[in-house]
PDB file of all heavy atoms in Angstrom:
ATOM      1  N   ALA A   1       0.816  -1.174   0.061  1.00  0.00           N
ATOM      2  CA  ALA A   1      -0.009   0.045  -0.024  1.00  0.00           C
ATOM      3  C   ALA A   1       0.831   1.297  -0.020  1.00  0.00           C
ATOM      4  O   ALA A   1       0.636   2.208  -0.701  1.00  0.00           O
ATOM      5  CB  ALA A   1      -0.935  -0.019   1.200  1.00  0.00           C
ATOM      6  N   ASP A   2       1.852   1.134   0.880  1.00  0.00           N
ATOM      7  CA  ASP A   2       2.765   2.360   0.903  1.00  0.00           C
ATOM      8  C   ASP A   2       3.416   2.494  -0.354  1.00  0.00           C
ATOM      9  O   ASP A   2       3.650   3.692  -0.926  1.00  0.00           O
ATOM     10  CB  ASP A   2       3.846   2.218   2.072  1.00  0.00           C
ATOM     11  CG  ASP A   2       3.192   2.274   3.375  1.00  0.00           C
ATOM     12  OD1 ASP A   2       1.993   2.671   3.493  1.00  0.00           O
ATOM     13  OD2 ASP A   2       3.791   1.697   4.432  1.00  0.00           O
ATOM     14  N   GLY A   3       4.028   1.387  -0.986  1.00  0.00           N
ATOM     15  CA  GLY A   3       4.670   1.597  -2.157  1.00  0.00           C
ATOM     16  C   GLY A   3       3.808   2.087  -3.320  1.00  0.00           C
ATOM     17  O   GLY A   3       4.140   2.930  -4.222  1.00  0.00           O
ATOM     18  N   THR A   4       2.597   1.525  -3.300  1.00  0.00           N
ATOM     19  CA  THR A   4       1.616   1.999  -4.377  1.00  0.00           C
ATOM     20  C   THR A   4       1.246   3.504  -4.207  1.00  0.00           C
ATOM     21  O   THR A   4       1.301   4.177  -5.271  1.00  0.00           O
ATOM     22  CB  THR A   4       0.328   1.120  -4.316  1.00  0.00           C
ATOM     23  OG1 THR A   4       0.726  -0.225  -4.527  1.00  0.00           O
ATOM     24  CG2 THR A   4      -0.649   1.539  -5.412  1.00  0.00           C
ATOM     25  N   ALA A   5       1.010   3.772  -2.908  1.00  0.00           N
ATOM     26  CA  ALA A   5       0.681   5.211  -2.691  1.00  0.00           C
ATOM     27  C   ALA A   5       1.827   6.129  -3.181  1.00  0.00           C
ATOM     28  O   ALA A   5       1.676   7.148  -3.830  1.00  0.00           O
ATOM     29  CB  ALA A   5       0.397   5.409  -1.265  1.00  0.00           C
ATOM     30  N   ASP A   6       3.090   5.605  -2.778  1.00  0.00           N
ATOM     31  CA  ASP A   6       4.203   6.528  -3.129  1.00  0.00           C
ATOM     32  C   ASP A   6       4.412   6.576  -4.484  1.00  0.00           C
ATOM     33  O   ASP A   6       4.813   7.636  -5.122  1.00  0.00           O
ATOM     34  CB  ASP A   6       5.396   5.920  -2.279  1.00  0.00           C
ATOM     35  CG  ASP A   6       5.204   6.203  -0.809  1.00  0.00           C
ATOM     36  OD1 ASP A   6       4.472   6.960  -0.260  1.00  0.00           O
ATOM     37  OD2 ASP A   6       6.127   5.510  -0.084  1.00  0.00           O
ATOM     38  N   GLY A   7       4.326   5.367  -5.157  1.00  0.00           N
ATOM     39  CA  GLY A   7       4.588   5.405  -6.655  1.00  0.00           C
ATOM     40  C   GLY A   7       3.606   6.160  -7.365  1.00  0.00           C
ATOM     41  O   GLY A   7       3.809   6.998  -8.277  1.00  0.00           O
ATOM     42  N   THR A   8       2.294   6.135  -6.929  1.00  0.00           N
ATOM     43  CA  THR A   8       1.168   6.919  -7.592  1.00  0.00           C
ATOM     44  C   THR A   8       1.512   8.386  -7.308  1.00  0.00           C
ATOM     45  O   THR A   8       1.404   9.257  -8.317  1.00  0.00           O
ATOM     46  CB  THR A   8      -0.116   6.579  -7.008  1.00  0.00           C
ATOM     47  OG1 THR A   8      -0.374   5.267  -7.184  1.00  0.00           O
ATOM     48  CG2 THR A   8      -1.282   7.443  -7.695  1.00  0.00           C
ATOM     49  N   ALA A   9       1.922   8.752  -6.031  1.00  0.00           N
ATOM     50  CA  ALA A   9       2.212  10.140  -5.761  1.00  0.00           C
ATOM     51  C   ALA A   9       3.317  10.631  -6.665  1.00  0.00           C
ATOM     52  O   ALA A   9       3.451  11.728  -7.204  1.00  0.00           O
ATOM     53  CB  ALA A   9       2.523  10.325  -4.396  1.00  0.00           C
ATOM     54  N   SER A  10       4.431   9.734  -6.781  1.00  0.00           N
ATOM     55  CA  SER A  10       5.586  10.100  -7.503  1.00  0.00           C
ATOM     56  C   SER A  10       5.154  10.333  -8.994  1.00  0.00           C
ATOM     57  O   SER A  10       5.764  11.244  -9.673  1.00  0.00           O
ATOM     58  CB  SER A  10       6.622   9.007  -7.427  1.00  0.00           C
ATOM     59  OG  SER A  10       7.039   8.870  -6.056  1.00  0.00           O
ATOM     60  N   THR A  11       4.335   9.444  -9.583  1.00  0.00           N
ATOM     61  CA  THR A  11       3.983   9.547 -10.900  1.00  0.00           C
ATOM     62  C   THR A  11       3.202  10.806 -11.134  1.00  0.00           C
ATOM     63  O   THR A  11       3.334  11.538 -12.217  1.00  0.00           O
ATOM     64  CB  THR A  11       3.160   8.321 -11.371  1.00  0.00           C
ATOM     65  OG1 THR A  11       4.064   7.212 -11.121  1.00  0.00           O
ATOM     66  CG2 THR A  11       2.845   8.399 -12.843  1.00  0.00           C
ATOM     67  N   ALA A  12       2.307  11.028 -10.143  1.00  0.00           N
ATOM     68  CA  ALA A  12       1.445  12.188 -10.348  1.00  0.00           C
ATOM     69  C   ALA A  12       2.103  13.520 -10.175  1.00  0.00           C
ATOM     70  O   ALA A  12       1.870  14.535 -10.831  1.00  0.00           O
ATOM     71  CB  ALA A  12       0.181  12.166  -9.337  1.00  0.00           C
ATOM     72  N   SER A  13       3.056  13.529  -9.256  1.00  0.00           N
ATOM     73  CA  SER A  13       3.820  14.821  -8.923  1.00  0.00           C
ATOM     74  C   SER A  13       4.901  15.184  -9.899  1.00  0.00           C
ATOM     75  O   SER A  13       5.283  16.345 -10.031  1.00  0.00           O
ATOM     76  CB  SER A  13       4.236  14.801  -7.454  1.00  0.00           C
ATOM     77  OG  SER A  13       5.285  13.788  -7.394  1.00  0.00           O
ATOM     78  N   THR A  14       5.643  14.186 -10.284  1.00  0.00           N
ATOM     79  CA  THR A  14       6.809  14.452 -11.108  1.00  0.00           C
ATOM     80  C   THR A  14       7.017  13.288 -12.120  1.00  0.00           C
ATOM     81  O   THR A  14       6.851  12.206 -11.778  1.00  0.00           O
ATOM     82  CB  THR A  14       8.005  14.629 -10.267  1.00  0.00           C
ATOM     83  OG1 THR A  14       9.181  14.813 -11.171  1.00  0.00           O
ATOM     84  CG2 THR A  14       8.299  13.513  -9.381  1.00  0.00           C
ATOM     85  N   ALA A  15       7.262  13.550 -13.283  1.00  0.00           N
ATOM     86  CA  ALA A  15       7.390  12.649 -14.326  1.00  0.00           C
ATOM     87  C   ALA A  15       8.823  12.127 -14.443  1.00  0.00           C
ATOM     88  O   ALA A  15       8.990  11.223 -15.224  1.00  0.00           O
ATOM     89  CB  ALA A  15       6.937  13.336 -15.747  1.00  0.00           C
ATOM     90  N   GLU A  16       9.709  12.832 -13.790  1.00  0.00           N
ATOM     91  CA  GLU A  16      11.103  12.459 -14.040  1.00  0.00           C
ATOM     92  C   GLU A  16      11.526  11.169 -13.297  1.00  0.00           C
ATOM     93  O   GLU A  16      12.567  10.689 -13.519  1.00  0.00           O
ATOM     94  CB  GLU A  16      12.104  13.498 -13.675  1.00  0.00           C
ATOM     95  CG  GLU A  16      12.134  13.936 -12.210  1.00  0.00           C
ATOM     96  CD  GLU A  16      11.259  15.145 -11.951  1.00  0.00           C
ATOM     97  OE1 GLU A  16      10.372  15.478 -12.725  1.00  0.00           O
ATOM     98  OE2 GLU A  16      11.455  15.789 -10.879  1.00  0.00           O
ATOM     99  N   HIS A  17      10.620  10.646 -12.298  1.00  0.00           N
ATOM    100  CA  HIS A  17      10.889   9.488 -11.592  1.00  0.00           C
ATOM    101  C   HIS A  17      10.850   8.304 -12.590  1.00  0.00           C
ATOM    102  O   HIS A  17       9.925   8.292 -13.380  1.00  0.00           O
ATOM    103  CB  HIS A  17       9.882   9.172 -10.489  1.00  0.00           C
ATOM    104  CG  HIS A  17      10.194  10.109  -9.292  1.00  0.00           C
ATOM    105  ND1 HIS A  17      11.164   9.842  -8.478  1.00  0.00           N
ATOM    106  CD2 HIS A  17       9.498  11.087  -8.873  1.00  0.00           C
ATOM    107  CE1 HIS A  17      11.124  10.700  -7.548  1.00  0.00           C
ATOM    108  NE2 HIS A  17      10.119  11.621  -7.752  1.00  0.00           N
ATOM    109  N   SER A  18      11.937   7.489 -12.500  1.00  0.00           N
ATOM    110  CA  SER A  18      12.010   6.348 -13.482  1.00  0.00           C
ATOM    111  C   SER A  18      11.568   5.140 -12.871  1.00  0.00           C
ATOM    112  O   SER A  18      11.251   5.092 -11.595  1.00  0.00           O
ATOM    113  CB  SER A  18      13.511   6.187 -13.843  1.00  0.00           C
ATOM    114  OG  SER A  18      14.356   5.741 -12.745  1.00  0.00           O
ATOM    115  N   VAL A  19      11.352   4.084 -13.571  1.00  0.00           N
ATOM    116  CA  VAL A  19      10.985   2.803 -13.078  1.00  0.00           C
ATOM    117  C   VAL A  19      11.985   2.199 -12.103  1.00  0.00           C
ATOM    118  O   VAL A  19      11.629   1.649 -11.035  1.00  0.00           O
ATOM    119  CB  VAL A  19      10.870   1.767 -14.278  1.00  0.00           C
ATOM    120  CG1 VAL A  19      10.558   0.363 -13.763  1.00  0.00           C
ATOM    121  CG2 VAL A  19       9.708   2.257 -15.168  1.00  0.00           C
ATOM    122  N   ASP A  20      13.285   2.478 -12.300  1.00  0.00           N
ATOM    123  CA  ASP A  20      14.217   2.034 -11.299  1.00  0.00           C
ATOM    124  C   ASP A  20      14.121   2.602  -9.916  1.00  0.00           C
ATOM    125  O   ASP A  20      14.200   1.942  -8.832  1.00  0.00           O
ATOM    126  CB  ASP A  20      15.610   2.367 -11.834  1.00  0.00           C
ATOM    127  CG  ASP A  20      15.965   1.555 -13.127  1.00  0.00           C
ATOM    128  OD1 ASP A  20      15.489   0.527 -13.272  1.00  0.00           O
ATOM    129  OD2 ASP A  20      16.879   2.040 -13.839  1.00  0.00           O
ATOM    130  N   ASP A  21      13.699   3.953  -9.932  1.00  0.00           N
ATOM    131  CA  ASP A  21      13.481   4.450  -8.573  1.00  0.00           C
ATOM    132  C   ASP A  21      12.252   3.852  -7.824  1.00  0.00           C
ATOM    133  O   ASP A  21      12.304   3.620  -6.615  1.00  0.00           O
ATOM    134  CB  ASP A  21      13.169   5.970  -8.703  1.00  0.00           C
ATOM    135  CG  ASP A  21      14.400   6.826  -9.298  1.00  0.00           C
ATOM    136  OD1 ASP A  21      15.459   6.270  -9.013  1.00  0.00           O
ATOM    137  OD2 ASP A  21      14.248   7.840  -9.825  1.00  0.00           O
ATOM    138  N   TRP A  22      11.310   3.441  -8.573  1.00  0.00           N
ATOM    139  CA  TRP A  22      10.121   2.810  -7.901  1.00  0.00           C
ATOM    140  C   TRP A  22      10.429   1.482  -7.378  1.00  0.00           C
ATOM    141  O   TRP A  22      10.031   1.094  -6.285  1.00  0.00           O
ATOM    142  CB  TRP A  22       8.949   2.776  -9.066  1.00  0.00           C
ATOM    143  CG  TRP A  22       7.622   2.206  -8.442  1.00  0.00           C
ATOM    144  CD1 TRP A  22       6.747   2.923  -7.823  1.00  0.00           C
ATOM    145  CD2 TRP A  22       7.314   0.884  -8.458  1.00  0.00           C
ATOM    146  NE1 TRP A  22       5.689   2.195  -7.461  1.00  0.00           N
ATOM    147  CE2 TRP A  22       6.062   0.889  -7.833  1.00  0.00           C
ATOM    148  CE3 TRP A  22       7.956  -0.279  -9.021  1.00  0.00           C
ATOM    149  CZ2 TRP A  22       5.410  -0.282  -7.640  1.00  0.00           C
ATOM    150  CZ3 TRP A  22       7.145  -1.451  -8.794  1.00  0.00           C
ATOM    151  CH2 TRP A  22       5.909  -1.455  -8.167  1.00  0.00           C
ATOM    152  N   LEU A  23      11.217   0.751  -8.207  1.00  0.00           N
ATOM    153  CA  LEU A  23      11.623  -0.532  -7.772  1.00  0.00           C
ATOM    154  C   LEU A  23      12.479  -0.540  -6.669  1.00  0.00           C
ATOM    155  O   LEU A  23      12.393  -1.368  -5.623  1.00  0.00           O
ATOM    156  CB  LEU A  23      12.370  -1.230  -8.858  1.00  0.00           C
ATOM    157  CG  LEU A  23      11.597  -1.671 -10.101  1.00  0.00           C
ATOM    158  CD1 LEU A  23      12.421  -2.241 -11.220  1.00  0.00           C
ATOM    159  CD2 LEU A  23      10.502  -2.679  -9.745  1.00  0.00           C
ATOM    160  N   GLU A  24      13.348   0.524  -6.441  1.00  0.00           N
ATOM    161  CA  GLU A  24      14.209   0.638  -5.220  1.00  0.00           C
ATOM    162  C   GLU A  24      13.353   0.885  -4.051  1.00  0.00           C
ATOM    163  O   GLU A  24      13.618   0.370  -2.902  1.00  0.00           O
ATOM    164  CB  GLU A  24      15.218   1.810  -5.453  1.00  0.00           C
ATOM    165  CG  GLU A  24      16.196   2.061  -4.274  1.00  0.00           C
ATOM    166  CD  GLU A  24      17.175   0.842  -4.182  1.00  0.00           C
ATOM    167  OE1 GLU A  24      17.310   0.060  -4.969  1.00  0.00           O
ATOM    168  OE2 GLU A  24      17.565   0.735  -3.002  1.00  0.00           O
ATOM    169  N   ALA A  25      12.332   1.743  -4.201  1.00  0.00           N
ATOM    170  CA  ALA A  25      11.353   2.016  -3.095  1.00  0.00           C
ATOM    171  C   ALA A  25      10.657   0.787  -2.599  1.00  0.00           C
ATOM    172  O   ALA A  25      10.349   0.484  -1.474  1.00  0.00           O
ATOM    173  CB  ALA A  25      10.394   3.078  -3.449  1.00  0.00           C
ATOM    174  N   ALA A  26      10.173  -0.080  -3.705  1.00  0.00           N
ATOM    175  CA  ALA A  26       9.628  -1.324  -3.315  1.00  0.00           C
ATOM    176  C   ALA A  26      10.347  -2.289  -2.545  1.00  0.00           C
ATOM    177  O   ALA A  26       9.918  -3.004  -1.662  1.00  0.00           O
ATOM    178  CB  ALA A  26       9.037  -1.807  -4.601  1.00  0.00           C
ATOM    179  N   ARG A  27      11.721  -2.285  -2.846  1.00  0.00           N
ATOM    180  CA  ARG A  27      12.542  -3.134  -2.069  1.00  0.00           C
ATOM    181  C   ARG A  27      12.831  -2.734  -0.615  1.00  0.00           C
ATOM    182  O   ARG A  27      12.968  -3.363   0.331  1.00  0.00           O
ATOM    183  CB  ARG A  27      13.891  -3.245  -2.813  1.00  0.00           C
ATOM    184  CG  ARG A  27      13.891  -4.162  -4.076  1.00  0.00           C
ATOM    185  CD  ARG A  27      15.318  -4.489  -4.469  1.00  0.00           C
ATOM    186  NE  ARG A  27      16.086  -3.310  -4.818  1.00  0.00           N
ATOM    187  CZ  ARG A  27      16.151  -2.762  -6.117  1.00  0.00           C
ATOM    188  NH1 ARG A  27      15.378  -3.268  -7.036  1.00  0.00           N
ATOM    189  NH2 ARG A  27      16.745  -1.658  -6.326  1.00  0.00           N
ATOM    190  N   VAL A  28      12.836  -1.370  -0.444  1.00  0.00           N
ATOM    191  CA  VAL A  28      13.180  -0.786   0.908  1.00  0.00           C
ATOM    192  C   VAL A  28      11.839  -1.024   1.756  1.00  0.00           C
ATOM    193  O   VAL A  28      12.052  -1.360   2.972  1.00  0.00           O
ATOM    194  CB  VAL A  28      13.495   0.627   0.750  1.00  0.00           C
ATOM    195  CG1 VAL A  28      13.602   1.373   2.152  1.00  0.00           C
ATOM    196  CG2 VAL A  28      14.702   0.856   0.019  1.00  0.00           C
ATOM    197  N   GLU A  29      10.669  -0.822   1.354  1.00  0.00           N
ATOM    198  CA  GLU A  29       9.525  -0.820   2.199  1.00  0.00           C
ATOM    199  C   GLU A  29       9.246  -2.167   2.776  1.00  0.00           C
ATOM    200  O   GLU A  29       8.969  -2.299   3.972  1.00  0.00           O
ATOM    201  CB  GLU A  29       8.235  -0.351   1.356  1.00  0.00           C
ATOM    202  CG  GLU A  29       8.329   1.144   1.021  1.00  0.00           C
ATOM    203  CD  GLU A  29       8.452   2.030   2.320  1.00  0.00           C
ATOM    204  OE1 GLU A  29       7.952   1.633   3.372  1.00  0.00           O
ATOM    205  OE2 GLU A  29       9.124   2.958   2.238  1.00  0.00           O
TER     206      GLU A  29
END
């Protein structure tokens, strides 16, 4: 849930986040 929320927020707020950044966040949570 946290990853999804963060990823959605990241996608909605800034377009420069890449897929690699999202995957890194998913591993950390």
